[in-house]
Amino acid sequence: MPQQFILWLVAGAVALVIVGLIAWSSARRQRRKHMAELYGHQYDRAVAEYGGVAQAEKELALREKRFAKAHIVELSLPDRDRYAERWRSAQAHFVDDPAAAVAEADALIGEVMTQRGYPGGDFEQRLADVALAHPSLMEHYKNACDIAHRGRENKAGTEDLRQAMVHYRALFEELLVVSEGELVGTH
């Protein structure tokens, strides 16, 4: 083979490797940007917890896969009405025992998510589920859970606990909404 042909082959192979590396790097940056936007502060927390970006993204991707296998369903009208009544009851209990009302709201959120088919699991998985299904409400849920945790340790004041109820309510209402946009308790 002529030496010039071999040089062209080598140059072509090098060019393909460079283009491949650029494409891979770009895809990686896009994935990182997507995950950071989707998970917000949870992304940074996962990076710190798992000791690096690659391991954190691997864990978050596993959570996404787990969520993708879930069969999220709407609640029946009787179930929505029953849960709405339980929510009203939790709100009414707030006056007498704010911490207990927040704990009741937290448990109710978990119960509704389970009945709707969310994968469940630990707090991190549930937070990932909310991030994937209701991204605009993830911070509400995280803040509510943080306050609820402080409330269980008697480290949250009444105003903090009220804020937790507001945060939980945002997610609760979203979980009870039906496709047509009808909210429980408005019929």
C-alpha atoms as a PDB file:
ATOM      1  CA  MET A   1       0.000   0.000   0.000  1.00  0.00           C
ATOM      2  CA  PRO A   2       1.191   3.463  -0.668  1.00  0.00           C
ATOM      3  CA  GLN A   3       2.386   5.280   2.406  1.00  0.00           C
ATOM      4  CA  GLN A   4       0.066   8.236   1.712  1.00  0.00           C
ATOM      5  CA  PHE A   5      -2.977   5.912   1.801  1.00  0.00           C
ATOM      6  CA  ILE A   6      -1.918   4.555   5.191  1.00  0.00           C
ATOM      7  CA  LEU A   7      -1.509   8.099   6.510  1.00  0.00           C
ATOM      8  CA  TRP A   8      -5.039   8.923   5.323  1.00  0.00           C
ATOM      9  CA  LEU A   9      -6.378   5.818   7.059  1.00  0.00           C
ATOM     10  CA  VAL A  10      -4.627   6.700  10.304  1.00  0.00           C
ATOM     11  CA  ALA A  11      -5.821  10.328  10.076  1.00  0.00           C
ATOM     12  CA  GLY A  12      -9.371   9.114   9.404  1.00  0.00           C
ATOM     13  CA  ALA A  13      -9.256   6.739  12.371  1.00  0.00           C
ATOM     14  CA  VAL A  14      -7.920   9.496  14.642  1.00  0.00           C
ATOM     15  CA  ALA A  15     -10.636  11.847  13.393  1.00  0.00           C
ATOM     16  CA  LEU A  16     -13.308   9.219  14.131  1.00  0.00           C
ATOM     17  CA  VAL A  17     -11.957   8.699  17.639  1.00  0.00           C
ATOM     18  CA  ILE A  18     -11.941  12.460  18.252  1.00  0.00           C
ATOM     19  CA  VAL A  19     -15.506  12.844  16.934  1.00  0.00           C
ATOM     20  CA  GLY A  20     -16.577   9.904  19.087  1.00  0.00           C
ATOM     21  CA  LEU A  21     -14.983  11.408  22.190  1.00  0.00           C
ATOM     22  CA  ILE A  22     -16.634  14.758  21.514  1.00  0.00           C
ATOM     23  CA  ALA A  23     -20.035  13.093  21.053  1.00  0.00           C
ATOM     24  CA  TRP A  24     -19.559  11.004  24.199  1.00  0.00           C
ATOM     25  CA  SER A  25     -18.489  14.050  26.209  1.00  0.00           C
ATOM     26  CA  SER A  26     -21.432  16.077  24.917  1.00  0.00           C
ATOM     27  CA  ALA A  27     -23.897  13.300  25.752  1.00  0.00           C
ATOM     28  CA  ARG A  28     -22.388  12.992  29.221  1.00  0.00           C
ATOM     29  CA  ARG A  29     -22.700  16.755  29.805  1.00  0.00           C
ATOM     30  CA  GLN A  30     -26.327  16.683  28.633  1.00  0.00           C
ATOM     31  CA  ARG A  31     -27.107  13.755  30.948  1.00  0.00           C
ATOM     32  CA  ARG A  32     -25.445  15.509  33.879  1.00  0.00           C
ATOM     33  CA  LYS A  33     -27.368  18.719  33.127  1.00  0.00           C
ATOM     34  CA  HIS A  34     -30.647  16.786  32.849  1.00  0.00           C
ATOM     35  CA  MET A  35     -30.102  15.009  36.171  1.00  0.00           C
ATOM     36  CA  ALA A  36     -28.988  18.188  37.940  1.00  0.00           C
ATOM     37  CA  GLU A  37     -32.098  20.026  36.722  1.00  0.00           C
ATOM     38  CA  LEU A  38     -34.421  17.131  37.528  1.00  0.00           C
ATOM     39  CA  TYR A  39     -33.074  16.346  40.986  1.00  0.00           C
ATOM     40  CA  GLY A  40     -31.932  19.833  42.016  1.00  0.00           C
ATOM     41  CA  HIS A  41     -30.231  19.764  45.411  1.00  0.00           C
ATOM     42  CA  GLN A  42     -30.710  15.989  45.565  1.00  0.00           C
ATOM     43  CA  TYR A  43     -28.238  15.636  42.697  1.00  0.00           C
ATOM     44  CA  ASP A  44     -25.534  17.463  44.665  1.00  0.00           C
ATOM     45  CA  ARG A  45     -26.432  15.470  47.754  1.00  0.00           C
ATOM     46  CA  ALA A  46     -26.137  12.199  45.818  1.00  0.00           C
ATOM     47  CA  VAL A  47     -22.751  13.239  44.418  1.00  0.00           C
ATOM     48  CA  ALA A  48     -21.507  13.909  47.951  1.00  0.00           C
ATOM     49  CA  GLU A  49     -23.093  10.749  49.367  1.00  0.00           C
ATOM     50  CA  TYR A  50     -21.828   8.387  46.666  1.00  0.00           C
ATOM     51  CA  GLY A  51     -18.391   9.947  46.385  1.00  0.00           C
ATOM     52  CA  GLY A  52     -18.542  11.236  42.847  1.00  0.00           C
ATOM     53  CA  VAL A  53     -20.602  12.169  39.848  1.00  0.00           C
ATOM     54  CA  ALA A  54     -20.404   8.805  38.077  1.00  0.00           C
ATOM     55  CA  GLN A  55     -21.584   6.768  41.064  1.00  0.00           C
ATOM     56  CA  ALA A  56     -24.315   9.294  41.926  1.00  0.00           C
ATOM     57  CA  GLU A  57     -25.626   9.294  38.366  1.00  0.00           C
ATOM     58  CA  LYS A  58     -25.570   5.504  38.346  1.00  0.00           C
ATOM     59  CA  GLU A  59     -27.676   5.428  41.529  1.00  0.00           C
ATOM     60  CA  LEU A  60     -30.094   8.057  40.245  1.00  0.00           C
ATOM     61  CA  ALA A  61     -30.410   6.184  36.934  1.00  0.00           C
ATOM     62  CA  LEU A  62     -31.295   3.018  38.877  1.00  0.00           C
ATOM     63  CA  ARG A  63     -34.015   4.963  40.666  1.00  0.00           C
ATOM     64  CA  GLU A  64     -35.326   6.210  37.327  1.00  0.00           C
ATOM     65  CA  LYS A  65     -35.424   2.631  35.994  1.00  0.00           C
ATOM     66  CA  ARG A  66     -37.243   1.457  39.096  1.00  0.00           C
ATOM     67  CA  PHE A  67     -39.769   4.262  38.711  1.00  0.00           C
ATOM     68  CA  ALA A  68     -40.235   3.505  35.008  1.00  0.00           C
ATOM     69  CA  LYS A  69     -41.385  -0.012  35.937  1.00  0.00           C
ATOM     70  CA  ALA A  70     -44.057   1.328  38.286  1.00  0.00           C
ATOM     71  CA  HIS A  71     -47.684   1.263  37.268  1.00  0.00           C
ATOM     72  CA  ILE A  72     -48.991   4.603  38.498  1.00  0.00           C
ATOM     73  CA  VAL A  73     -52.779   4.634  38.581  1.00  0.00           C
ATOM     74  CA  GLU A  74     -55.405   7.165  39.514  1.00  0.00           C
ATOM     75  CA  LEU A  75     -57.379   6.689  42.669  1.00  0.00           C
ATOM     76  CA  SER A  76     -61.008   5.723  42.490  1.00  0.00           C
ATOM     77  CA  LEU A  77     -63.508   8.410  43.422  1.00  0.00           C
ATOM     78  CA  PRO A  78     -64.340   6.718  46.769  1.00  0.00           C
ATOM     79  CA  ASP A  79     -60.619   6.438  47.596  1.00  0.00           C
ATOM     80  CA  ARG A  80     -60.001  10.077  46.677  1.00  0.00           C
ATOM     81  CA  ASP A  81     -62.918  11.158  48.846  1.00  0.00           C
ATOM     82  CA  ARG A  82     -61.702   8.993  51.737  1.00  0.00           C
ATOM     83  CA  TYR A  83     -58.184  10.403  51.515  1.00  0.00           C
ATOM     84  CA  ALA A  84     -59.489  13.964  51.192  1.00  0.00           C
ATOM     85  CA  GLU A  85     -61.501  13.431  54.374  1.00  0.00           C
ATOM     86  CA  ARG A  86     -58.439  12.077  56.164  1.00  0.00           C
ATOM     87  CA  TRP A  87     -56.493  15.131  55.028  1.00  0.00           C
ATOM     88  CA  ARG A  88     -59.158  17.446  56.411  1.00  0.00           C
ATOM     89  CA  SER A  89     -58.995  15.491  59.665  1.00  0.00           C
ATOM     90  CA  ALA A  90     -55.204  15.889  59.839  1.00  0.00           C
ATOM     91  CA  GLN A  91     -55.578  19.623  59.259  1.00  0.00           C
ATOM     92  CA  ALA A  92     -58.185  19.824  62.024  1.00  0.00           C
ATOM     93  CA  HIS A  93     -55.818  18.008  64.424  1.00  0.00           C
ATOM     94  CA  PHE A  94     -53.175  20.649  63.767  1.00  0.00           C
ATOM     95  CA  VAL A  95     -54.768  23.049  66.248  1.00  0.00           C
ATOM     96  CA  ASP A  96     -54.450  20.615  69.151  1.00  0.00           C
ATOM     97  CA  ASP A  97     -51.227  18.824  68.207  1.00  0.00           C
ATOM     98  CA  PRO A  98     -49.248  20.290  65.275  1.00  0.00           C
ATOM     99  CA  ALA A  99     -46.476  17.672  65.382  1.00  0.00           C
ATOM    100  CA  ALA A 100     -48.972  14.797  65.333  1.00  0.00           C
ATOM    101  CA  ALA A 101     -50.869  16.423  62.464  1.00  0.00           C
ATOM    102  CA  VAL A 102     -47.645  16.700  60.446  1.00  0.00           C
ATOM    103  CA  ALA A 103     -46.820  13.050  61.176  1.00  0.00           C
ATOM    104  CA  GLU A 104     -50.353  12.128  60.077  1.00  0.00           C
ATOM    105  CA  ALA A 105     -49.915  14.124  56.846  1.00  0.00           C
ATOM    106  CA  ASP A 106     -46.567  12.435  56.188  1.00  0.00           C
ATOM    107  CA  ALA A 107     -48.073   8.976  56.663  1.00  0.00           C
ATOM    108  CA  LEU A 108     -51.045   9.891  54.477  1.00  0.00           C
ATOM    109  CA  ILE A 109     -48.767  11.011  51.625  1.00  0.00           C
ATOM    110  CA  GLY A 110     -46.939   7.679  51.827  1.00  0.00           C
ATOM    111  CA  GLU A 111     -50.188   5.742  51.848  1.00  0.00           C
ATOM    112  CA  VAL A 112     -51.581   7.592  48.818  1.00  0.00           C
ATOM    113  CA  MET A 113     -48.340   7.106  46.905  1.00  0.00           C
ATOM    114  CA  THR A 114     -48.369   3.393  47.677  1.00  0.00           C
ATOM    115  CA  GLN A 115     -51.979   2.984  46.593  1.00  0.00           C
ATOM    116  CA  ARG A 116     -51.312   4.886  43.376  1.00  0.00           C
ATOM    117  CA  GLY A 117     -48.491   2.463  42.555  1.00  0.00           C
ATOM    118  CA  TYR A 118     -45.369   4.464  43.319  1.00  0.00           C
ATOM    119  CA  PRO A 119     -42.431   2.134  43.981  1.00  0.00           C
ATOM    120  CA  GLY A 120     -42.108   3.191  47.617  1.00  0.00           C
ATOM    121  CA  GLY A 121     -39.073   2.324  49.624  1.00  0.00           C
ATOM    122  CA  ASP A 122     -36.844   4.606  51.624  1.00  0.00           C
ATOM    123  CA  PHE A 123     -36.997   8.384  51.760  1.00  0.00           C
ATOM    124  CA  GLU A 124     -34.457   8.764  48.957  1.00  0.00           C
ATOM    125  CA  GLN A 125     -36.500   6.559  46.598  1.00  0.00           C
ATOM    126  CA  ARG A 126     -39.715   8.361  47.472  1.00  0.00           C
ATOM    127  CA  LEU A 127     -37.999  11.703  46.861  1.00  0.00           C
ATOM    128  CA  ALA A 128     -36.755  10.402  43.509  1.00  0.00           C
ATOM    129  CA  ASP A 129     -40.305   9.281  42.675  1.00  0.00           C
ATOM    130  CA  VAL A 130     -41.637  12.759  43.411  1.00  0.00           C
ATOM    131  CA  ALA A 131     -38.797  14.321  41.383  1.00  0.00           C
ATOM    132  CA  LEU A 132     -39.686  12.143  38.401  1.00  0.00           C
ATOM    133  CA  ALA A 133     -43.481  12.336  38.594  1.00  0.00           C
ATOM    134  CA  HIS A 134     -43.925  15.833  40.055  1.00  0.00           C
ATOM    135  CA  PRO A 135     -40.644  17.728  39.593  1.00  0.00           C
ATOM    136  CA  SER A 136     -42.104  21.081  40.597  1.00  0.00           C
ATOM    137  CA  LEU A 137     -43.140  19.611  43.961  1.00  0.00           C
ATOM    138  CA  MET A 138     -39.918  17.876  44.932  1.00  0.00           C
ATOM    139  CA  GLU A 139     -38.684  20.783  47.067  1.00  0.00           C
ATOM    140  CA  HIS A 140     -42.095  20.963  48.780  1.00  0.00           C
ATOM    141  CA  TYR A 141     -41.859  17.305  49.678  1.00  0.00           C
ATOM    142  CA  LYS A 142     -38.242  17.495  50.798  1.00  0.00           C
ATOM    143  CA  ASN A 143     -38.910  20.561  52.958  1.00  0.00           C
ATOM    144  CA  ALA A 144     -41.996  18.965  54.501  1.00  0.00           C
ATOM    145  CA  CYS A 145     -40.073  15.805  55.346  1.00  0.00           C
ATOM    146  CA  ASP A 146     -37.181  17.785  56.824  1.00  0.00           C
ATOM    147  CA  ILE A 147     -39.554  19.741  59.057  1.00  0.00           C
ATOM    148  CA  ALA A 148     -41.456  16.572  60.002  1.00  0.00           C
ATOM    149  CA  HIS A 149     -38.173  14.975  61.061  1.00  0.00           C
ATOM    150  CA  ARG A 150     -37.324  17.995  63.208  1.00  0.00           C
ATOM    151  CA  GLY A 151     -40.855  17.900  64.618  1.00  0.00           C
ATOM    152  CA  ARG A 152     -40.391  14.303  65.769  1.00  0.00           C
ATOM    153  CA  GLU A 153     -37.318  15.481  67.661  1.00  0.00           C
ATOM    154  CA  ASN A 154     -39.213  18.475  69.139  1.00  0.00           C
ATOM    155  CA  LYS A 155     -36.929  20.835  67.199  1.00  0.00           C
ATOM    156  CA  ALA A 156     -39.598  22.508  65.056  1.00  0.00           C
ATOM    157  CA  GLY A 157     -41.839  25.353  66.125  1.00  0.00           C
ATOM    158  CA  THR A 158     -45.517  25.709  65.302  1.00  0.00           C
ATOM    159  CA  GLU A 159     -44.786  27.956  62.308  1.00  0.00           C
ATOM    160  CA  ASP A 160     -42.326  25.398  60.932  1.00  0.00           C
ATOM    161  CA  LEU A 161     -44.921  22.669  61.342  1.00  0.00           C
ATOM    162  CA  ARG A 162     -47.520  24.842  59.615  1.00  0.00           C
ATOM    163  CA  GLN A 163     -45.099  25.219  56.707  1.00  0.00           C
ATOM    164  CA  ALA A 164     -44.699  21.438  56.599  1.00  0.00           C
ATOM    165  CA  MET A 165     -48.477  21.081  56.270  1.00  0.00           C
ATOM    166  CA  VAL A 166     -48.465  23.624  53.420  1.00  0.00           C
ATOM    167  CA  HIS A 167     -45.686  21.709  51.657  1.00  0.00           C
ATOM    168  CA  TYR A 168     -47.394  18.347  52.167  1.00  0.00           C
ATOM    169  CA  ARG A 169     -50.679  19.798  50.954  1.00  0.00           C
ATOM    170  CA  ALA A 170     -49.137  20.846  47.621  1.00  0.00           C
ATOM    171  CA  LEU A 171     -48.056  17.262  46.936  1.00  0.00           C
ATOM    172  CA  PHE A 172     -51.203  15.732  48.415  1.00  0.00           C
ATOM    173  CA  GLU A 173     -53.435  17.785  46.120  1.00  0.00           C
ATOM    174  CA  GLU A 174     -51.346  16.782  43.122  1.00  0.00           C
ATOM    175  CA  LEU A 175     -51.574  13.113  44.074  1.00  0.00           C
ATOM    176  CA  LEU A 176     -55.368  13.305  44.270  1.00  0.00           C
ATOM    177  CA  VAL A 177     -55.900  15.176  40.986  1.00  0.00           C
ATOM    178  CA  VAL A 178     -57.586  13.182  38.242  1.00  0.00           C
ATOM    179  CA  SER A 179     -56.745  13.402  34.541  1.00  0.00           C
ATOM    180  CA  GLU A 180     -59.456  15.862  33.712  1.00  0.00           C
ATOM    181  CA  GLY A 181     -58.091  18.266  36.285  1.00  0.00           C
ATOM    182  CA  GLU A 182     -60.853  17.721  38.846  1.00  0.00           C
ATOM    183  CA  LEU A 183     -59.606  18.075  42.407  1.00  0.00           C
ATOM    184  CA  VAL A 184     -61.150  15.996  45.126  1.00  0.00           C
ATOM    185  CA  GLY A 185     -63.527  17.893  47.310  1.00  0.00           C
ATOM    186  CA  THR A 186     -64.575  20.313  44.555  1.00  0.00           C
ATOM    187  CA  HIS A 187     -67.452  18.276  43.200  1.00  0.00           C
END
